[in-house]
Amino acid sequence: KDRERHRHRRHRKTERKTKTEKDTDTEDTERQRERQRQRKTQTQKTQKDREKDIDRERHRHRRHRKTEKDTDTEDTERQRERQRQRKTQTQKTQKDREKDKDRERHR
């Protein structure tokens, strides 16, 4: 019974809608669809990336059969490099902030 009532209510609502309301609704659904599409492509990308990473790992192991230590040092090297990059980025942003402040003062 409850379900029936709900269904009827829904129908009534759609009948009452004016033209503009309907238009905005279609726009909204369009937006939602677009968002879903975006999300889908993103997840696909990440999936591809994951596969690539796995492949890389395999290749790395196949190539040299390096000892654990070697791969570890490589990893730490990479991490250090990343940190360096990050540091330079933050410094840049700091400089940018200061420049912005100066500009504000001059105005």
N, C-alpha and C. Protein backbone atom coordinates (compact mmCIF):
# COMPACT_ATOMS: atom_id res chain seq x y z
N LYS A 1 0.83 -1.22 0.00
CA LYS A 1 0.00 0.00 0.00
C LYS A 1 0.86 1.27 0.00
N ASP A 2 1.83 1.28 0.88
CA ASP A 2 2.69 2.45 0.98
C ASP A 2 3.35 2.77 -0.35
N ARG A 3 3.87 1.72 -0.96
CA ARG A 3 4.55 1.90 -2.23
C ARG A 3 3.60 2.52 -3.27
N GLU A 4 2.41 1.99 -3.31
CA GLU A 4 1.41 2.50 -4.24
C GLU A 4 1.25 4.02 -4.07
N ARG A 5 1.06 4.40 -2.81
CA ARG A 5 0.84 5.80 -2.51
C ARG A 5 2.00 6.65 -3.05
N HIS A 6 3.21 6.18 -2.77
CA HIS A 6 4.38 6.91 -3.23
C HIS A 6 4.38 7.07 -4.74
N ARG A 7 4.11 5.98 -5.41
CA ARG A 7 4.11 6.02 -6.86
C ARG A 7 3.15 7.10 -7.36
N HIS A 8 1.95 7.09 -6.78
CA HIS A 8 0.95 8.07 -7.22
C HIS A 8 1.44 9.48 -7.00
N ARG A 9 2.01 9.70 -5.85
CA ARG A 9 2.50 11.02 -5.52
C ARG A 9 3.49 11.48 -6.59
N ARG A 10 4.40 10.60 -6.92
CA ARG A 10 5.41 10.92 -7.92
C ARG A 10 4.76 11.34 -9.23
N HIS A 11 3.78 10.56 -9.65
CA HIS A 11 3.12 10.86 -10.91
C HIS A 11 2.50 12.25 -10.88
N ARG A 12 1.81 12.54 -9.80
CA ARG A 12 1.17 13.83 -9.68
C ARG A 12 2.20 14.94 -9.84
N LYS A 13 3.33 14.79 -9.17
CA LYS A 13 4.37 15.80 -9.23
C LYS A 13 4.79 16.06 -10.67
N THR A 14 5.05 15.00 -11.39
CA THR A 14 5.54 15.20 -12.76
C THR A 14 4.47 15.88 -13.62
N GLU A 15 3.22 15.58 -13.36
CA GLU A 15 2.16 16.21 -14.15
C GLU A 15 2.09 17.71 -13.87
N ARG A 16 2.30 18.08 -12.63
CA ARG A 16 2.18 19.48 -12.26
C ARG A 16 3.31 20.36 -12.77
N LYS A 17 4.42 19.76 -13.07
CA LYS A 17 5.60 20.56 -13.43
C LYS A 17 5.35 21.49 -14.61
N THR A 18 5.90 22.68 -14.48
CA THR A 18 5.79 23.62 -15.60
C THR A 18 6.93 23.34 -16.58
N LYS A 19 6.87 23.97 -17.70
CA LYS A 19 7.86 23.75 -18.76
C LYS A 19 9.28 24.07 -18.26
N THR A 20 9.43 25.21 -17.63
CA THR A 20 10.78 25.63 -17.19
C THR A 20 11.36 24.63 -16.21
N GLU A 21 10.52 24.16 -15.30
CA GLU A 21 11.00 23.17 -14.32
C GLU A 21 11.54 21.94 -15.04
N LYS A 22 10.77 21.49 -16.02
CA LYS A 22 11.19 20.31 -16.79
C LYS A 22 12.54 20.58 -17.43
N ASP A 23 12.70 21.76 -18.01
CA ASP A 23 13.95 22.12 -18.67
C ASP A 23 15.12 22.03 -17.70
N THR A 24 14.95 22.64 -16.55
CA THR A 24 16.05 22.63 -15.58
C THR A 24 16.36 21.19 -15.17
N ASP A 25 15.33 20.38 -15.05
CA ASP A 25 15.55 18.98 -14.69
C ASP A 25 16.43 18.29 -15.72
N THR A 26 16.09 18.48 -16.98
CA THR A 26 16.89 17.82 -18.01
C THR A 26 18.33 18.32 -17.96
N GLU A 27 18.50 19.62 -17.72
CA GLU A 27 19.85 20.17 -17.58
C GLU A 27 20.60 19.46 -16.45
N ASP A 28 19.90 19.33 -15.33
CA ASP A 28 20.54 18.69 -14.17
C ASP A 28 20.97 17.27 -14.50
N THR A 29 20.05 16.51 -15.13
CA THR A 29 20.42 15.12 -15.45
C THR A 29 21.60 15.11 -16.41
N GLU A 30 21.61 16.07 -17.34
CA GLU A 30 22.73 16.17 -18.29
C GLU A 30 24.03 16.36 -17.51
N ARG A 31 24.00 17.29 -16.57
CA ARG A 31 25.18 17.56 -15.75
C ARG A 31 25.63 16.30 -15.02
N GLN A 32 24.65 15.63 -14.42
CA GLN A 32 24.98 14.41 -13.69
C GLN A 32 25.65 13.39 -14.60
N ARG A 33 25.08 13.22 -15.78
CA ARG A 33 25.64 12.27 -16.75
C ARG A 33 27.08 12.64 -17.07
N GLU A 34 27.29 13.94 -17.30
CA GLU A 34 28.63 14.42 -17.63
C GLU A 34 29.61 14.08 -16.50
N ARG A 35 29.16 14.34 -15.28
CA ARG A 35 30.00 14.04 -14.11
C ARG A 35 30.36 12.56 -14.08
N GLN A 36 29.35 11.72 -14.32
CA GLN A 36 29.59 10.29 -14.31
C GLN A 36 30.62 9.91 -15.36
N ARG A 37 30.46 10.50 -16.56
CA ARG A 37 31.41 10.23 -17.63
C ARG A 37 32.81 10.57 -17.17
N GLN A 38 32.95 11.77 -16.61
CA GLN A 38 34.26 12.22 -16.12
C GLN A 38 34.83 11.20 -15.14
N ARG A 39 33.98 10.84 -14.17
CA ARG A 39 34.42 9.92 -13.12
C ARG A 39 34.90 8.61 -13.76
N LYS A 40 34.11 8.12 -14.73
CA LYS A 40 34.45 6.87 -15.39
C LYS A 40 35.82 6.96 -16.03
N THR A 41 36.05 8.03 -16.80
CA THR A 41 37.35 8.15 -17.48
C THR A 41 38.46 8.21 -16.44
N GLN A 42 38.23 8.91 -15.34
CA GLN A 42 39.25 8.98 -14.30
C GLN A 42 39.58 7.61 -13.75
N THR A 43 38.54 6.84 -13.42
CA THR A 43 38.81 5.52 -12.86
C THR A 43 39.53 4.66 -13.88
N GLN A 44 39.16 4.77 -15.14
CA GLN A 44 39.84 4.01 -16.19
C GLN A 44 41.31 4.38 -16.21
N LYS A 45 41.60 5.67 -16.16
CA LYS A 45 42.98 6.13 -16.15
C LYS A 45 43.74 5.49 -15.01
N THR A 46 43.16 5.59 -13.82
CA THR A 46 43.86 5.05 -12.67
C THR A 46 44.09 3.55 -12.85
N GLN A 47 43.11 2.88 -13.43
CA GLN A 47 43.26 1.45 -13.68
C GLN A 47 44.48 1.22 -14.58
N LYS A 48 44.54 1.97 -15.68
CA LYS A 48 45.66 1.87 -16.60
C LYS A 48 46.97 2.12 -15.86
N ASP A 49 46.96 3.18 -15.05
CA ASP A 49 48.18 3.52 -14.31
C ASP A 49 48.61 2.36 -13.43
N ARG A 50 47.63 1.76 -12.76
CA ARG A 50 47.95 0.62 -11.89
C ARG A 50 48.62 -0.49 -12.70
N GLU A 51 48.02 -0.78 -13.85
CA GLU A 51 48.57 -1.83 -14.70
C GLU A 51 49.99 -1.49 -15.12
N LYS A 52 50.20 -0.26 -15.52
CA LYS A 52 51.54 0.19 -15.91
C LYS A 52 52.52 -0.03 -14.78
N ASP A 53 52.11 0.40 -13.59
CA ASP A 53 52.99 0.26 -12.42
C ASP A 53 53.37 -1.19 -12.20
N ILE A 54 52.37 -2.06 -12.28
CA ILE A 54 52.63 -3.49 -12.08
C ILE A 54 53.63 -3.97 -13.11
N ASP A 55 53.40 -3.58 -14.37
CA ASP A 55 54.33 -3.97 -15.44
C ASP A 55 55.73 -3.50 -15.13
N ARG A 56 55.84 -2.25 -14.71
CA ARG A 56 57.16 -1.69 -14.39
C ARG A 56 57.85 -2.53 -13.33
N GLU A 57 57.08 -2.82 -12.29
CA GLU A 57 57.66 -3.64 -11.20
C GLU A 57 58.20 -4.95 -11.76
N ARG A 58 57.37 -5.62 -12.56
CA ARG A 58 57.78 -6.89 -13.14
C ARG A 58 59.07 -6.73 -13.92
N HIS A 59 59.09 -5.70 -14.78
CA HIS A 59 60.27 -5.49 -15.61
C HIS A 59 61.50 -5.24 -14.77
N ARG A 60 61.32 -4.43 -13.74
CA ARG A 60 62.46 -4.11 -12.89
C ARG A 60 63.04 -5.41 -12.31
N HIS A 61 62.16 -6.26 -11.83
CA HIS A 61 62.63 -7.51 -11.23
C HIS A 61 63.28 -8.40 -12.28
N ARG A 62 62.67 -8.45 -13.46
CA ARG A 62 63.19 -9.30 -14.52
C ARG A 62 64.58 -8.85 -14.95
N ARG A 63 64.72 -7.54 -15.15
CA ARG A 63 65.96 -7.00 -15.69
C ARG A 63 67.20 -7.44 -14.94
N HIS A 64 67.24 -7.09 -13.67
CA HIS A 64 68.50 -7.27 -12.93
C HIS A 64 68.47 -8.29 -11.80
N ARG A 65 67.28 -8.58 -11.35
CA ARG A 65 67.17 -9.39 -10.13
C ARG A 65 68.04 -8.76 -9.05
N LYS A 66 67.83 -7.47 -8.87
CA LYS A 66 68.63 -6.73 -7.90
C LYS A 66 68.39 -7.26 -6.50
N THR A 67 69.35 -6.98 -5.66
CA THR A 67 69.15 -7.35 -4.25
C THR A 67 68.18 -6.37 -3.63
N GLU A 68 67.58 -6.75 -2.54
CA GLU A 68 66.61 -5.88 -1.88
C GLU A 68 67.23 -4.53 -1.56
N LYS A 69 68.46 -4.57 -1.09
CA LYS A 69 69.12 -3.34 -0.68
C LYS A 69 69.15 -2.32 -1.82
N ASP A 70 69.54 -2.79 -3.00
CA ASP A 70 69.64 -1.88 -4.14
C ASP A 70 68.30 -1.20 -4.43
N THR A 71 67.26 -2.02 -4.49
CA THR A 71 65.96 -1.41 -4.79
C THR A 71 65.59 -0.43 -3.68
N ASP A 72 65.90 -0.77 -2.44
CA ASP A 72 65.59 0.13 -1.33
C ASP A 72 66.27 1.47 -1.51
N THR A 73 67.58 1.42 -1.82
CA THR A 73 68.29 2.69 -1.97
C THR A 73 67.69 3.49 -3.13
N GLU A 74 67.30 2.80 -4.21
CA GLU A 74 66.65 3.50 -5.32
C GLU A 74 65.39 4.20 -4.83
N ASP A 75 64.60 3.47 -4.07
CA ASP A 75 63.35 4.04 -3.57
C ASP A 75 63.62 5.27 -2.72
N THR A 76 64.57 5.16 -1.81
CA THR A 76 64.85 6.31 -0.94
C THR A 76 65.34 7.48 -1.80
N GLU A 77 66.14 7.20 -2.82
CA GLU A 77 66.61 8.25 -3.74
C GLU A 77 65.41 8.97 -4.33
N ARG A 78 64.48 8.16 -4.83
CA ARG A 78 63.28 8.74 -5.45
C ARG A 78 62.54 9.62 -4.45
N GLN A 79 62.38 9.09 -3.24
CA GLN A 79 61.68 9.86 -2.21
C GLN A 79 62.37 11.19 -1.96
N ARG A 80 63.69 11.14 -1.84
CA ARG A 80 64.45 12.37 -1.61
C ARG A 80 64.20 13.35 -2.74
N GLU A 81 64.25 12.83 -3.95
CA GLU A 81 64.04 13.69 -5.12
C GLU A 81 62.67 14.37 -5.03
N ARG A 82 61.67 13.57 -4.70
CA ARG A 82 60.31 14.10 -4.56
C ARG A 82 60.27 15.20 -3.52
N GLN A 83 60.90 14.94 -2.39
CA GLN A 83 60.92 15.95 -1.33
C GLN A 83 61.57 17.24 -1.81
N ARG A 84 62.69 17.10 -2.52
CA ARG A 84 63.36 18.28 -3.07
C ARG A 84 62.39 19.06 -3.94
N GLN A 85 61.72 18.34 -4.84
CA GLN A 85 60.76 18.99 -5.73
C GLN A 85 59.72 19.75 -4.92
N ARG A 86 59.18 19.06 -3.93
CA ARG A 86 58.14 19.65 -3.11
C ARG A 86 58.66 20.93 -2.45
N LYS A 87 59.87 20.84 -1.90
CA LYS A 87 60.47 22.00 -1.22
C LYS A 87 60.56 23.19 -2.16
N THR A 88 61.09 22.96 -3.36
CA THR A 88 61.23 24.08 -4.29
C THR A 88 59.85 24.65 -4.62
N GLN A 89 58.86 23.78 -4.76
CA GLN A 89 57.52 24.28 -5.05
C GLN A 89 57.03 25.18 -3.92
N THR A 90 57.17 24.73 -2.67
CA THR A 90 56.67 25.54 -1.56
C THR A 90 57.42 26.86 -1.50
N GLN A 91 58.72 26.83 -1.75
CA GLN A 91 59.49 28.08 -1.75
C GLN A 91 58.93 29.03 -2.80
N LYS A 92 58.70 28.50 -3.99
CA LYS A 92 58.13 29.32 -5.05
C LYS A 92 56.83 29.97 -4.58
N THR A 93 55.96 29.16 -4.01
CA THR A 93 54.67 29.71 -3.59
C THR A 93 54.89 30.79 -2.53
N GLN A 94 55.85 30.58 -1.66
CA GLN A 94 56.15 31.57 -0.63
C GLN A 94 56.55 32.89 -1.31
N LYS A 95 57.45 32.79 -2.28
CA LYS A 95 57.87 33.99 -3.02
C LYS A 95 56.66 34.65 -3.68
N ASP A 96 55.83 33.83 -4.29
CA ASP A 96 54.65 34.37 -4.95
C ASP A 96 53.80 35.14 -3.96
N ARG A 97 53.63 34.58 -2.78
CA ARG A 97 52.82 35.25 -1.75
C ARG A 97 53.41 36.61 -1.43
N GLU A 98 54.72 36.62 -1.23
CA GLU A 98 55.37 37.89 -0.90
C GLU A 98 55.17 38.90 -2.03
N LYS A 99 55.33 38.46 -3.26
CA LYS A 99 55.12 39.35 -4.41
C LYS A 99 53.71 39.92 -4.37
N ASP A 100 52.75 39.04 -4.12
CA ASP A 100 51.36 39.47 -4.08
C ASP A 100 51.17 40.55 -3.02
N LYS A 101 51.77 40.34 -1.84
CA LYS A 101 51.66 41.32 -0.76
C LYS A 101 52.21 42.66 -1.22
N ASP A 102 53.39 42.60 -1.84
CA ASP A 102 54.02 43.82 -2.33
C ASP A 102 53.09 44.56 -3.31
N ARG A 103 52.52 43.80 -4.24
CA ARG A 103 51.61 44.39 -5.22
C ARG A 103 50.47 45.09 -4.51
N GLU A 104 49.91 44.40 -3.51
CA GLU A 104 48.79 44.98 -2.76
C GLU A 104 49.20 46.32 -2.14
N ARG A 105 50.39 46.36 -1.55
CA ARG A 105 50.88 47.58 -0.92
C ARG A 105 50.97 48.71 -1.93
N HIS A 106 51.52 48.38 -3.12
CA HIS A 106 51.70 49.40 -4.13
C HIS A 106 50.36 49.97 -4.61
N ARG A 107 49.37 49.14 -4.67
CA ARG A 107 48.04 49.59 -5.06
C ARG A 107 47.55 50.56 -4.00
